Amino acid sequence: MIEINEDLPKLTKSTEDYIEVMYNLKKVKGTIRVTDIAEKLDFKPSSVVEAVNKISKLKLVSKEKYGEIKLTEMGIQIAEGIIHKHNTLKKFLDVLGVDDKTAEEEACAMEHILSNS
């Protein structure tokens, strides 16, 4: 099980979505780029740059101008916690007989409202 550090900052749903997408991009593609995040979230690249700058100030990512974005250890820890919650909620909804598409959508919504403890 993923252990969540209580010292982690409280994040908005949007920030959590960005971190989760970045983590998954790193796992699948090996790199995290603004254009890939924008495509995944269906946002404009300029909006993604602004969000990544804010997330960088939280010390959850490091970035180079026009270069790769990297999750910090804290960013990775948060992403893994979010994904763990999502997967657990999805399995629970599956057990309850919720159809797969609905279970996926509802697990995504629910993961953001649960506490980290």
PDB file of N, CA and C in Angstrom:
ATOM      1  N   MET A   1       0.845  -1.188   0.000  1.00  0.00           N
ATOM      2  CA  MET A   1       0.000   0.000   0.000  1.00  0.00           C
ATOM      3  C   MET A   1       0.882   1.241   0.000  1.00  0.00           C
ATOM      4  N   ILE A   2       0.421   2.284  -0.651  1.00  0.00           N
ATOM      5  CA  ILE A   2       1.146   3.545  -0.717  1.00  0.00           C
ATOM      6  C   ILE A   2       0.900   4.298   0.576  1.00  0.00           C
ATOM      7  N   GLU A   3       1.972   4.744   1.205  1.00  0.00           N
ATOM      8  CA  GLU A   3       1.839   5.521   2.433  1.00  0.00           C
ATOM      9  C   GLU A   3       1.876   7.000   2.079  1.00  0.00           C
ATOM     10  N   ILE A   4       0.879   7.726   2.548  1.00  0.00           N
ATOM     11  CA  ILE A   4       0.789   9.151   2.258  1.00  0.00           C
ATOM     12  C   ILE A   4       1.382   9.932   3.417  1.00  0.00           C
ATOM     13  N   ASN A   5       2.306  10.793   3.101  1.00  0.00           N
ATOM     14  CA  ASN A   5       2.944  11.654   4.086  1.00  0.00           C
ATOM     15  C   ASN A   5       1.990  12.779   4.448  1.00  0.00           C
ATOM     16  N   GLU A   6       1.709  12.950   5.742  1.00  0.00           N
ATOM     17  CA  GLU A   6       0.774  13.982   6.190  1.00  0.00           C
ATOM     18  C   GLU A   6       1.300  15.392   5.935  1.00  0.00           C
ATOM     19  N   ASP A   7       2.576  15.559   5.656  1.00  0.00           N
ATOM     20  CA  ASP A   7       3.160  16.876   5.422  1.00  0.00           C
ATOM     21  C   ASP A   7       2.947  17.362   3.986  1.00  0.00           C
ATOM     22  N   LEU A   8       2.331  16.534   3.149  1.00  0.00           N
ATOM     23  CA  LEU A   8       2.123  16.927   1.767  1.00  0.00           C
ATOM     24  C   LEU A   8       1.089  18.044   1.699  1.00  0.00           C
ATOM     25  N   PRO A   9       1.258  18.951   0.738  1.00  0.00           N
ATOM     26  CA  PRO A   9       0.311  20.065   0.629  1.00  0.00           C
ATOM     27  C   PRO A   9      -1.069  19.592   0.179  1.00  0.00           C
ATOM     28  N   LYS A  10      -2.105  20.316   0.607  1.00  0.00           N
ATOM     29  CA  LYS A  10      -3.471  20.057   0.134  1.00  0.00           C
ATOM     30  C   LYS A  10      -3.575  20.642  -1.268  1.00  0.00           C
ATOM     31  N   LEU A  11      -4.002  19.830  -2.208  1.00  0.00           N
ATOM     32  CA  LEU A  11      -4.012  20.241  -3.610  1.00  0.00           C
ATOM     33  C   LEU A  11      -5.429  20.334  -4.147  1.00  0.00           C
ATOM     34  N   THR A  12      -5.592  21.156  -5.168  1.00  0.00           N
ATOM     35  CA  THR A  12      -6.879  21.248  -5.848  1.00  0.00           C
ATOM     36  C   THR A  12      -7.067  20.026  -6.734  1.00  0.00           C
ATOM     37  N   LYS A  13      -8.307  19.791  -7.142  1.00  0.00           N
ATOM     38  CA  LYS A  13      -8.604  18.697  -8.058  1.00  0.00           C
ATOM     39  C   LYS A  13      -7.802  18.861  -9.349  1.00  0.00           C
ATOM     40  N   SER A  14      -7.730  20.075  -9.835  1.00  0.00           N
ATOM     41  CA  SER A  14      -7.003  20.351 -11.072  1.00  0.00           C
ATOM     42  C   SER A  14      -5.522  19.991 -10.940  1.00  0.00           C
ATOM     43  N   THR A  15      -4.911  20.390  -9.838  1.00  0.00           N
ATOM     44  CA  THR A  15      -3.492  20.084  -9.612  1.00  0.00           C
ATOM     45  C   THR A  15      -3.290  18.579  -9.528  1.00  0.00           C
ATOM     46  N   GLU A  16      -4.186  17.896  -8.834  1.00  0.00           N
ATOM     47  CA  GLU A  16      -4.084  16.438  -8.741  1.00  0.00           C
ATOM     48  C   GLU A  16      -4.209  15.797 -10.126  1.00  0.00           C
ATOM     49  N   ASP A  17      -5.125  16.324 -10.943  1.00  0.00           N
ATOM     50  CA  ASP A  17      -5.273  15.787 -12.301  1.00  0.00           C
ATOM     51  C   ASP A  17      -3.987  15.959 -13.107  1.00  0.00           C
ATOM     52  N   TYR A  18      -3.380  17.131 -13.008  1.00  0.00           N
ATOM     53  CA  TYR A  18      -2.115  17.372 -13.709  1.00  0.00           C
ATOM     54  C   TYR A  18      -1.042  16.391 -13.245  1.00  0.00           C
ATOM     55  N   ILE A  19      -0.910  16.223 -11.953  1.00  0.00           N
ATOM     56  CA  ILE A  19       0.134  15.345 -11.414  1.00  0.00           C
ATOM     57  C   ILE A  19      -0.099  13.902 -11.849  1.00  0.00           C
ATOM     58  N   GLU A  20      -1.343  13.475 -11.818  1.00  0.00           N
ATOM     59  CA  GLU A  20      -1.674  12.114 -12.239  1.00  0.00           C
ATOM     60  C   GLU A  20      -1.347  11.911 -13.725  1.00  0.00           C
ATOM     61  N   VAL A  21      -1.709  12.872 -14.551  1.00  0.00           N
ATOM     62  CA  VAL A  21      -1.414  12.782 -15.985  1.00  0.00           C
ATOM     63  C   VAL A  21       0.096  12.772 -16.210  1.00  0.00           C
ATOM     64  N   MET A  22       0.823  13.621 -15.518  1.00  0.00           N
ATOM     65  CA  MET A  22       2.283  13.659 -15.683  1.00  0.00           C
ATOM     66  C   MET A  22       2.910  12.330 -15.291  1.00  0.00           C
ATOM     67  N   TYR A  23       2.463  11.766 -14.179  1.00  0.00           N
ATOM     68  CA  TYR A  23       2.980  10.480 -13.724  1.00  0.00           C
ATOM     69  C   TYR A  23       2.734   9.397 -14.779  1.00  0.00           C
ATOM     70  N   ASN A  24       1.508   9.352 -15.304  1.00  0.00           N
ATOM     71  CA  ASN A  24       1.172   8.345 -16.315  1.00  0.00           C
ATOM     72  C   ASN A  24       1.953   8.555 -17.614  1.00  0.00           C
ATOM     73  N   LEU A  25       2.149   9.815 -18.003  1.00  0.00           N
ATOM     74  CA  LEU A  25       2.958  10.088 -19.199  1.00  0.00           C
ATOM     75  C   LEU A  25       4.389   9.590 -19.017  1.00  0.00           C
ATOM     76  N   LYS A  26       4.950   9.827 -17.855  1.00  0.00           N
ATOM     77  CA  LYS A  26       6.325   9.378 -17.582  1.00  0.00           C
ATOM     78  C   LYS A  26       6.400   7.856 -17.686  1.00  0.00           C
ATOM     79  N   LYS A  27       5.396   7.175 -17.128  1.00  0.00           N
ATOM     80  CA  LYS A  27       5.383   5.711 -17.167  1.00  0.00           C
ATOM     81  C   LYS A  27       5.230   5.182 -18.600  1.00  0.00           C
ATOM     82  N   VAL A  28       4.356   5.803 -19.377  1.00  0.00           N
ATOM     83  CA  VAL A  28       4.047   5.302 -20.720  1.00  0.00           C
ATOM     84  C   VAL A  28       5.056   5.770 -21.761  1.00  0.00           C
ATOM     85  N   LYS A  29       5.380   7.070 -21.749  1.00  0.00           N
ATOM     86  CA  LYS A  29       6.229   7.644 -22.796  1.00  0.00           C
ATOM     87  C   LYS A  29       7.685   7.828 -22.375  1.00  0.00           C
ATOM     88  N   GLY A  30       7.921   7.836 -21.072  1.00  0.00           N
ATOM     89  CA  GLY A  30       9.284   8.042 -20.593  1.00  0.00           C
ATOM     90  C   GLY A  30       9.642   9.502 -20.392  1.00  0.00           C
ATOM     91  N   THR A  31       8.806  10.408 -20.897  1.00  0.00           N
ATOM     92  CA  THR A  31       9.042  11.839 -20.739  1.00  0.00           C
ATOM     93  C   THR A  31       7.714  12.537 -20.480  1.00  0.00           C
ATOM     94  N   ILE A  32       7.822  13.736 -19.929  1.00  0.00           N
ATOM     95  CA  ILE A  32       6.639  14.567 -19.680  1.00  0.00           C
ATOM     96  C   ILE A  32       6.856  15.878 -20.419  1.00  0.00           C
ATOM     97  N   ARG A  33       5.989  16.160 -21.373  1.00  0.00           N
ATOM     98  CA  ARG A  33       6.083  17.395 -22.142  1.00  0.00           C
ATOM     99  C   ARG A  33       4.747  18.131 -22.100  1.00  0.00           C
ATOM    100  N   VAL A  34       4.827  19.442 -22.195  1.00  0.00           N
ATOM    101  CA  VAL A  34       3.637  20.289 -22.154  1.00  0.00           C
ATOM    102  C   VAL A  34       2.623  19.852 -23.210  1.00  0.00           C
ATOM    103  N   THR A  35       3.087  19.592 -24.415  1.00  0.00           N
ATOM    104  CA  THR A  35       2.167  19.226 -25.498  1.00  0.00           C
ATOM    105  C   THR A  35       1.409  17.929 -25.190  1.00  0.00           C
ATOM    106  N   ASP A  36       2.084  16.980 -24.556  1.00  0.00           N
ATOM    107  CA  ASP A  36       1.428  15.717 -24.205  1.00  0.00           C
ATOM    108  C   ASP A  36       0.390  15.918 -23.104  1.00  0.00           C
ATOM    109  N   ILE A  37       0.720  16.745 -22.120  1.00  0.00           N
ATOM    110  CA  ILE A  37      -0.229  17.046 -21.043  1.00  0.00           C
ATOM    111  C   ILE A  37      -1.450  17.743 -21.634  1.00  0.00           C
ATOM    112  N   ALA A  38      -1.222  18.723 -22.497  1.00  0.00           N
ATOM    113  CA  ALA A  38      -2.312  19.479 -23.120  1.00  0.00           C
ATOM    114  C   ALA A  38      -3.231  18.542 -23.907  1.00  0.00           C
ATOM    115  N   GLU A  39      -2.636  17.619 -24.635  1.00  0.00           N
ATOM    116  CA  GLU A  39      -3.430  16.671 -25.419  1.00  0.00           C
ATOM    117  C   GLU A  39      -4.266  15.775 -24.515  1.00  0.00           C
ATOM    118  N   LYS A  40      -3.643  15.255 -23.448  1.00  0.00           N
ATOM    119  CA  LYS A  40      -4.326  14.342 -22.536  1.00  0.00           C
ATOM    120  C   LYS A  40      -5.490  15.013 -21.814  1.00  0.00           C
ATOM    121  N   LEU A  41      -5.295  16.264 -21.390  1.00  0.00           N
ATOM    122  CA  LEU A  41      -6.326  16.971 -20.631  1.00  0.00           C
ATOM    123  C   LEU A  41      -7.238  17.828 -21.508  1.00  0.00           C
ATOM    124  N   ASP A  42      -6.922  17.895 -22.798  1.00  0.00           N
ATOM    125  CA  ASP A  42      -7.672  18.712 -23.749  1.00  0.00           C
ATOM    126  C   ASP A  42      -7.661  20.189 -23.339  1.00  0.00           C
ATOM    127  N   PHE A  43      -6.460  20.675 -23.003  1.00  0.00           N
ATOM    128  CA  PHE A  43      -6.240  22.080 -22.651  1.00  0.00           C
ATOM    129  C   PHE A  43      -5.290  22.695 -23.667  1.00  0.00           C
ATOM    130  N   LYS A  44      -5.267  24.009 -23.706  1.00  0.00           N
ATOM    131  CA  LYS A  44      -4.305  24.711 -24.549  1.00  0.00           C
ATOM    132  C   LYS A  44      -2.925  24.627 -23.897  1.00  0.00           C
ATOM    133  N   PRO A  45      -1.873  24.487 -24.712  1.00  0.00           N
ATOM    134  CA  PRO A  45      -0.515  24.428 -24.147  1.00  0.00           C
ATOM    135  C   PRO A  45      -0.192  25.614 -23.233  1.00  0.00           C
ATOM    136  N   SER A  46      -0.687  26.800 -23.564  1.00  0.00           N
ATOM    137  CA  SER A  46      -0.403  27.970 -22.722  1.00  0.00           C
ATOM    138  C   SER A  46      -1.007  27.805 -21.328  1.00  0.00           C
ATOM    139  N   SER A  47      -2.172  27.186 -21.238  1.00  0.00           N
ATOM    140  CA  SER A  47      -2.791  26.921 -19.932  1.00  0.00           C
ATOM    141  C   SER A  47      -1.976  25.896 -19.150  1.00  0.00           C
ATOM    142  N   VAL A  48      -1.453  24.909 -19.853  1.00  0.00           N
ATOM    143  CA  VAL A  48      -0.635  23.878 -19.216  1.00  0.00           C
ATOM    144  C   VAL A  48       0.655  24.495 -18.670  1.00  0.00           C
ATOM    145  N   VAL A  49       1.290  25.369 -19.445  1.00  0.00           N
ATOM    146  CA  VAL A  49       2.520  26.033 -18.993  1.00  0.00           C
ATOM    147  C   VAL A  49       2.251  26.800 -17.700  1.00  0.00           C
ATOM    148  N   GLU A  50       1.158  27.518 -17.660  1.00  0.00           N
ATOM    149  CA  GLU A  50       0.797  28.278 -16.461  1.00  0.00           C
ATOM    150  C   GLU A  50       0.593  27.353 -15.263  1.00  0.00           C
ATOM    151  N   ALA A  51      -0.118  26.253 -15.475  1.00  0.00           N
ATOM    152  CA  ALA A  51      -0.363  25.299 -14.391  1.00  0.00           C
ATOM    153  C   ALA A  51       0.934  24.636 -13.927  1.00  0.00           C
ATOM    154  N   VAL A  52       1.778  24.258 -14.862  1.00  0.00           N
ATOM    155  CA  VAL A  52       3.047  23.610 -14.506  1.00  0.00           C
ATOM    156  C   VAL A  52       3.925  24.578 -13.708  1.00  0.00           C
ATOM    157  N   ASN A  53       3.907  25.840 -14.061  1.00  0.00           N
ATOM    158  CA  ASN A  53       4.661  26.837 -13.292  1.00  0.00           C
ATOM    159  C   ASN A  53       4.166  26.903 -11.848  1.00  0.00           C
ATOM    160  N   LYS A  54       2.855  26.869 -11.659  1.00  0.00           N
ATOM    161  CA  LYS A  54       2.293  26.879 -10.302  1.00  0.00           C
ATOM    162  C   LYS A  54       2.673  25.610  -9.539  1.00  0.00           C
ATOM    163  N   ILE A  55       2.586  24.476 -10.218  1.00  0.00           N
ATOM    164  CA  ILE A  55       2.935  23.200  -9.586  1.00  0.00           C
ATOM    165  C   ILE A  55       4.425  23.163  -9.241  1.00  0.00           C
ATOM    166  N   SER A  56       5.234  23.785 -10.075  1.00  0.00           N
ATOM    167  CA  SER A  56       6.664  23.875  -9.821  1.00  0.00           C
ATOM    168  C   SER A  56       6.949  24.662  -8.534  1.00  0.00           C
ATOM    169  N   LYS A  57       6.175  25.704  -8.291  1.00  0.00           N
ATOM    170  CA  LYS A  57       6.342  26.499  -7.070  1.00  0.00           C
ATOM    171  C   LYS A  57       5.999  25.692  -5.817  1.00  0.00           C
ATOM    172  N   LEU A  58       5.173  24.649  -5.976  1.00  0.00           N
ATOM    173  CA  LEU A  58       4.849  23.753  -4.869  1.00  0.00           C
ATOM    174  C   LEU A  58       5.930  22.687  -4.677  1.00  0.00           C
ATOM    175  N   LYS A  59       6.942  22.734  -5.547  1.00  0.00           N
ATOM    176  CA  LYS A  59       8.060  21.785  -5.521  1.00  0.00           C
ATOM    177  C   LYS A  59       7.618  20.339  -5.808  1.00  0.00           C
ATOM    178  N   LEU A  60       6.598  20.216  -6.666  1.00  0.00           N
ATOM    179  CA  LEU A  60       6.127  18.899  -7.056  1.00  0.00           C
ATOM    180  C   LEU A  60       6.675  18.476  -8.414  1.00  0.00           C
ATOM    181  N   VAL A  61       7.160  19.453  -9.183  1.00  0.00           N
ATOM    182  CA  VAL A  61       7.817  19.180 -10.455  1.00  0.00           C
ATOM    183  C   VAL A  61       9.011  20.112 -10.602  1.00  0.00           C
ATOM    184  N   SER A  62       9.943  19.681 -11.425  1.00  0.00           N
ATOM    185  CA  SER A  62      11.026  20.569 -11.861  1.00  0.00           C
ATOM    186  C   SER A  62      10.915  20.634 -13.378  1.00  0.00           C
ATOM    187  N   LYS A  63      11.314  21.760 -13.929  1.00  0.00           N
ATOM    188  CA  LYS A  63      11.158  21.906 -15.372  1.00  0.00           C
ATOM    189  C   LYS A  63      12.245  22.798 -15.936  1.00  0.00           C
ATOM    190  N   GLU A  64      12.489  22.576 -17.213  1.00  0.00           N
ATOM    191  CA  GLU A  64      13.395  23.425 -17.967  1.00  0.00           C
ATOM    192  C   GLU A  64      12.554  24.144 -19.007  1.00  0.00           C
ATOM    193  N   LYS A  65      12.880  25.385 -19.277  1.00  0.00           N
ATOM    194  CA  LYS A  65      12.126  26.121 -20.285  1.00  0.00           C
ATOM    195  C   LYS A  65      12.218  25.375 -21.615  1.00  0.00           C
ATOM    196  N   TYR A  66      11.067  25.103 -22.202  1.00  0.00           N
ATOM    197  CA  TYR A  66      10.935  24.363 -23.451  1.00  0.00           C
ATOM    198  C   TYR A  66      11.507  22.949 -23.364  1.00  0.00           C
ATOM    199  N   GLY A  67      11.652  22.434 -22.162  1.00  0.00           N
ATOM    200  CA  GLY A  67      12.218  21.105 -22.009  1.00  0.00           C
ATOM    201  C   GLY A  67      11.308  20.170 -21.253  1.00  0.00           C
ATOM    202  N   GLU A  68      11.889  19.096 -20.811  1.00  0.00           N
ATOM    203  CA  GLU A  68      11.152  18.058 -20.109  1.00  0.00           C
ATOM    204  C   GLU A  68      10.739  18.515 -18.716  1.00  0.00           C
ATOM    205  N   ILE A  69       9.628  18.002 -18.286  1.00  0.00           N
ATOM    206  CA  ILE A  69       9.116  18.237 -16.938  1.00  0.00           C
ATOM    207  C   ILE A  69       9.390  16.966 -16.147  1.00  0.00           C
ATOM    208  N   LYS A  70       9.837  17.114 -14.914  1.00  0.00           N
ATOM    209  CA  LYS A  70      10.117  15.950 -14.078  1.00  0.00           C
ATOM    210  C   LYS A  70       9.390  16.088 -12.752  1.00  0.00           C
ATOM    211  N   LEU A  71       8.728  15.010 -12.340  1.00  0.00           N
ATOM    212  CA  LEU A  71       8.104  14.991 -11.025  1.00  0.00           C
ATOM    213  C   LEU A  71       9.186  14.852  -9.965  1.00  0.00           C
ATOM    214  N   THR A  72       9.054  15.597  -8.886  1.00  0.00           N
ATOM    215  CA  THR A  72       9.964  15.449  -7.756  1.00  0.00           C
ATOM    216  C   THR A  72       9.534  14.213  -6.958  1.00  0.00           C
ATOM    217  N   GLU A  73      10.299  13.849  -5.968  1.00  0.00           N
ATOM    218  CA  GLU A  73       9.923  12.710  -5.116  1.00  0.00           C
ATOM    219  C   GLU A  73       8.555  12.946  -4.484  1.00  0.00           C
ATOM    220  N   MET A  74       8.311  14.167  -4.023  1.00  0.00           N
ATOM    221  CA  MET A  74       7.013  14.487  -3.432  1.00  0.00           C
ATOM    222  C   MET A  74       5.915  14.388  -4.484  1.00  0.00           C
ATOM    223  N   GLY A  75       6.171  14.843  -5.698  1.00  0.00           N
ATOM    224  CA  GLY A  75       5.203  14.738  -6.785  1.00  0.00           C
ATOM    225  C   GLY A  75       4.875  13.291  -7.106  1.00  0.00           C
ATOM    226  N   ILE A  76       5.893  12.454  -7.114  1.00  0.00           N
ATOM    227  CA  ILE A  76       5.695  11.018  -7.362  1.00  0.00           C
ATOM    228  C   ILE A  76       4.860  10.402  -6.248  1.00  0.00           C
ATOM    229  N   GLN A  77       5.163  10.754  -5.010  1.00  0.00           N
ATOM    230  CA  GLN A  77       4.431  10.220  -3.865  1.00  0.00           C
ATOM    231  C   GLN A  77       2.950  10.607  -3.953  1.00  0.00           C
ATOM    232  N   ILE A  78       2.681  11.845  -4.299  1.00  0.00           N
ATOM    233  CA  ILE A  78       1.297  12.296  -4.433  1.00  0.00           C
ATOM    234  C   ILE A  78       0.603  11.558  -5.572  1.00  0.00           C
ATOM    235  N   ALA A  79       1.265  11.454  -6.714  1.00  0.00           N
ATOM    236  CA  ALA A  79       0.681  10.762  -7.874  1.00  0.00           C
ATOM    237  C   ALA A  79       0.348   9.313  -7.537  1.00  0.00           C
ATOM    238  N   GLU A  80       1.257   8.632  -6.885  1.00  0.00           N
ATOM    239  CA  GLU A  80       1.014   7.230  -6.530  1.00  0.00           C
ATOM    240  C   GLU A  80      -0.136   7.102  -5.544  1.00  0.00           C
ATOM    241  N   GLY A  81      -0.272   8.058  -4.638  1.00  0.00           N
ATOM    242  CA  GLY A  81      -1.399   8.050  -3.700  1.00  0.00           C
ATOM    243  C   GLY A  81      -2.722   8.253  -4.417  1.00  0.00           C
ATOM    244  N   ILE A  82      -2.759   9.182  -5.356  1.00  0.00           N
ATOM    245  CA  ILE A  82      -3.974   9.447  -6.133  1.00  0.00           C
ATOM    246  C   ILE A  82      -4.360   8.208  -6.938  1.00  0.00           C
ATOM    247  N   ILE A  83      -3.394   7.617  -7.590  1.00  0.00           N
ATOM    248  CA  ILE A  83      -3.654   6.443  -8.425  1.00  0.00           C
ATOM    249  C   ILE A  83      -4.103   5.265  -7.566  1.00  0.00           C
ATOM    250  N   HIS A  84      -3.510   5.109  -6.402  1.00  0.00           N
ATOM    251  CA  HIS A  84      -3.918   4.033  -5.484  1.00  0.00           C
ATOM    252  C   HIS A  84      -5.377   4.220  -5.073  1.00  0.00           C
ATOM    253  N   LYS A  85      -5.741   5.453  -4.702  1.00  0.00           N
ATOM    254  CA  LYS A  85      -7.137   5.726  -4.330  1.00  0.00           C
ATOM    255  C   LYS A  85      -8.064   5.433  -5.508  1.00  0.00           C
ATOM    256  N   HIS A  86      -7.686   5.893  -6.684  1.00  0.00           N
ATOM    257  CA  HIS A  86      -8.515   5.693  -7.879  1.00  0.00           C
ATOM    258  C   HIS A  86      -8.740   4.206  -8.133  1.00  0.00           C
ATOM    259  N   ASN A  87      -7.668   3.428  -8.135  1.00  0.00           N
ATOM    260  CA  ASN A  87      -7.774   1.999  -8.417  1.00  0.00           C
ATOM    261  C   ASN A  87      -8.610   1.270  -7.368  1.00  0.00           C
ATOM    262  N   THR A  88      -8.436   1.644  -6.111  1.00  0.00           N
ATOM    263  CA  THR A  88      -9.208   1.028  -5.030  1.00  0.00           C
ATOM    264  C   THR A  88     -10.694   1.354  -5.164  1.00  0.00           C
ATOM    265  N   LEU A  89     -11.000   2.622  -5.450  1.00  0.00           N
ATOM    266  CA  LEU A  89     -12.392   3.027  -5.631  1.00  0.00           C
ATOM    267  C   LEU A  89     -13.017   2.340  -6.847  1.00  0.00           C
ATOM    268  N   LYS A  90     -12.258   2.224  -7.914  1.00  0.00           N
ATOM    269  CA  LYS A  90     -12.750   1.567  -9.129  1.00  0.00           C
ATOM    270  C   LYS A  90     -13.081   0.105  -8.840  1.00  0.00           C
ATOM    271  N   LYS A  91     -12.208  -0.580  -8.124  1.00  0.00           N
ATOM    272  CA  LYS A  91     -12.464  -1.985  -7.765  1.00  0.00           C
ATOM    273  C   LYS A  91     -13.720  -2.102  -6.901  1.00  0.00           C
ATOM    274  N   PHE A  92     -13.874  -1.185  -5.951  1.00  0.00           N
ATOM    275  CA  PHE A  92     -15.042  -1.176  -5.081  1.00  0.00           C
ATOM    276  C   PHE A  92     -16.322  -1.006  -5.907  1.00  0.00           C
ATOM    277  N   LEU A  93     -16.307  -0.063  -6.818  1.00  0.00           N
ATOM    278  CA  LEU A  93     -17.479   0.180  -7.659  1.00  0.00           C
ATOM    279  C   LEU A  93     -17.764  -1.013  -8.570  1.00  0.00           C
ATOM    280  N   ASP A  94     -16.710  -1.677  -9.029  1.00  0.00           N
ATOM    281  CA  ASP A  94     -16.879  -2.893  -9.833  1.00  0.00           C
ATOM    282  C   ASP A  94     -17.595  -3.972  -9.017  1.00  0.00           C
ATOM    283  N   VAL A  95     -17.171  -4.132  -7.760  1.00  0.00           N
ATOM    284  CA  VAL A  95     -17.786  -5.129  -6.871  1.00  0.00           C
ATOM    285  C   VAL A  95     -19.266  -4.811  -6.674  1.00  0.00           C
ATOM    286  N   LEU A  96     -19.597  -3.532  -6.606  1.00  0.00           N
ATOM    287  CA  LEU A  96     -20.996  -3.123  -6.432  1.00  0.00           C
ATOM    288  C   LEU A  96     -21.829  -3.303  -7.706  1.00  0.00           C
ATOM    289  N   GLY A  97     -21.172  -3.653  -8.803  1.00  0.00           N
ATOM    290  CA  GLY A  97     -21.883  -3.906 -10.047  1.00  0.00           C
ATOM    291  C   GLY A  97     -22.050  -2.690 -10.937  1.00  0.00           C
ATOM    292  N   VAL A  98     -21.309  -1.631 -10.651  1.00  0.00           N
ATOM    293  CA  VAL A  98     -21.365  -0.435 -11.486  1.00  0.00           C
ATOM    294  C   VAL A  98     -20.672  -0.742 -12.808  1.00  0.00           C
ATOM    295  N   ASP A  99     -21.288  -0.314 -13.923  1.00  0.00           N
ATOM    296  CA  ASP A  99     -20.663  -0.603 -15.221  1.00  0.00           C
ATOM    297  C   ASP A  99     -19.290   0.068 -15.314  1.00  0.00           C
ATOM    298  N   ASP A 100     -18.433  -0.485 -16.152  1.00  0.00           N
ATOM    299  CA  ASP A 100     -17.023  -0.090 -16.191  1.00  0.00           C
ATOM    300  C   ASP A 100     -16.819   1.397 -16.485  1.00  0.00           C
ATOM    301  N   LYS A 101     -17.525   1.927 -17.468  1.00  0.00           N
ATOM    302  CA  LYS A 101     -17.359   3.334 -17.845  1.00  0.00           C
ATOM    303  C   LYS A 101     -17.771   4.257 -16.693  1.00  0.00           C
ATOM    304  N   THR A 102     -18.898   3.966 -16.082  1.00  0.00           N
ATOM    305  CA  THR A 102     -19.376   4.775 -14.957  1.00  0.00           C
ATOM    306  C   THR A 102     -18.447   4.635 -13.763  1.00  0.00           C
ATOM    307  N   ALA A 103     -17.984   3.416 -13.494  1.00  0.00           N
ATOM    308  CA  ALA A 103     -17.071   3.187 -12.371  1.00  0.00           C
ATOM    309  C   ALA A 103     -15.788   3.994 -12.544  1.00  0.00           C
ATOM    310  N   GLU A 104     -15.284   4.042 -13.769  1.00  0.00           N
ATOM    311  CA  GLU A 104     -14.061   4.809 -14.052  1.00  0.00           C
ATOM    312  C   GLU A 104     -14.291   6.297 -13.794  1.00  0.00           C
ATOM    313  N   GLU A 105     -15.395   6.831 -14.301  1.00  0.00           N
ATOM    314  CA  GLU A 105     -15.703   8.254 -14.122  1.00  0.00           C
ATOM    315  C   GLU A 105     -15.924   8.604 -12.657  1.00  0.00           C
ATOM    316  N   GLU A 106     -16.674   7.757 -11.952  1.00  0.00           N
ATOM    317  CA  GLU A 106     -16.977   8.049 -10.548  1.00  0.00           C
ATOM    318  C   GLU A 106     -15.758   7.871  -9.650  1.00  0.00           C
ATOM    319  N   ALA A 107     -14.907   6.903  -9.952  1.00  0.00           N
ATOM    320  CA  ALA A 107     -13.676   6.733  -9.179  1.00  0.00           C
ATOM    321  C   ALA A 107     -12.797   7.972  -9.340  1.00  0.00           C
ATOM    322  N   CYS A 108     -12.764   8.520 -10.551  1.00  0.00           N
ATOM    323  CA  CYS A 108     -11.977   9.729 -10.809  1.00  0.00           C
ATOM    324  C   CYS A 108     -12.514  10.900  -9.993  1.00  0.00           C
ATOM    325  N   ALA A 109     -13.825  11.035  -9.935  1.00  0.00           N
ATOM    326  CA  ALA A 109     -14.415  12.128  -9.160  1.00  0.00           C
ATOM    327  C   ALA A 109     -14.199  11.923  -7.663  1.00  0.00           C
ATOM    328  N   MET A 110     -14.355  10.698  -7.198  1.00  0.00           N
ATOM    329  CA  MET A 110     -14.261  10.412  -5.764  1.00  0.00           C
ATOM    330  C   MET A 110     -12.838  10.512  -5.225  1.00  0.00           C
ATOM    331  N   GLU A 111     -11.856  10.188  -6.042  1.00  0.00           N
ATOM    332  CA  GLU A 111     -10.469  10.186  -5.565  1.00  0.00           C
ATOM    333  C   GLU A 111     -10.040  11.535  -5.028  1.00  0.00           C
ATOM    334  N   HIS A 112     -10.650  12.605  -5.520  1.00  0.00           N
ATOM    335  CA  HIS A 112     -10.247  13.952  -5.139  1.00  0.00           C
ATOM    336  C   HIS A 112     -10.879  14.438  -3.839  1.00  0.00           C
ATOM    337  N   ILE A 113     -11.938  13.788  -3.410  1.00  0.00           N
ATOM    338  CA  ILE A 113     -12.609  14.270  -2.203  1.00  0.00           C
ATOM    339  C   ILE A 113     -12.241  13.486  -0.951  1.00  0.00           C
ATOM    340  N   LEU A 114     -11.556  12.366  -1.119  1.00  0.00           N
ATOM    341  CA  LEU A 114     -11.137  11.581   0.043  1.00  0.00           C
ATOM    342  C   LEU A 114      -9.890  12.172   0.669  1.00  0.00           C
ATOM    343  N   SER A 115      -9.801  12.064   1.988  1.00  0.00           N
ATOM    344  CA  SER A 115      -8.605  12.548   2.671  1.00  0.00           C
ATOM    345  C   SER A 115      -7.431  11.623   2.376  1.00  0.00           C
ATOM    346  N   ASN A 116      -6.241  12.065   2.716  1.00  0.00           N
ATOM    347  CA  ASN A 116      -5.041  11.268   2.477  1.00  0.00           C
ATOM    348  C   ASN A 116      -4.684  10.387   3.657  1.00  0.00           C
ATOM    349  N   SER A 117      -5.489  10.381   4.680  1.00  0.00           N
ATOM    350  CA  SER A 117      -5.150   9.553   5.848  1.00  0.00           C
ATOM    351  C   SER A 117      -5.975   8.309   5.907  1.00  0.00           C
TER     352      SER A 117
END
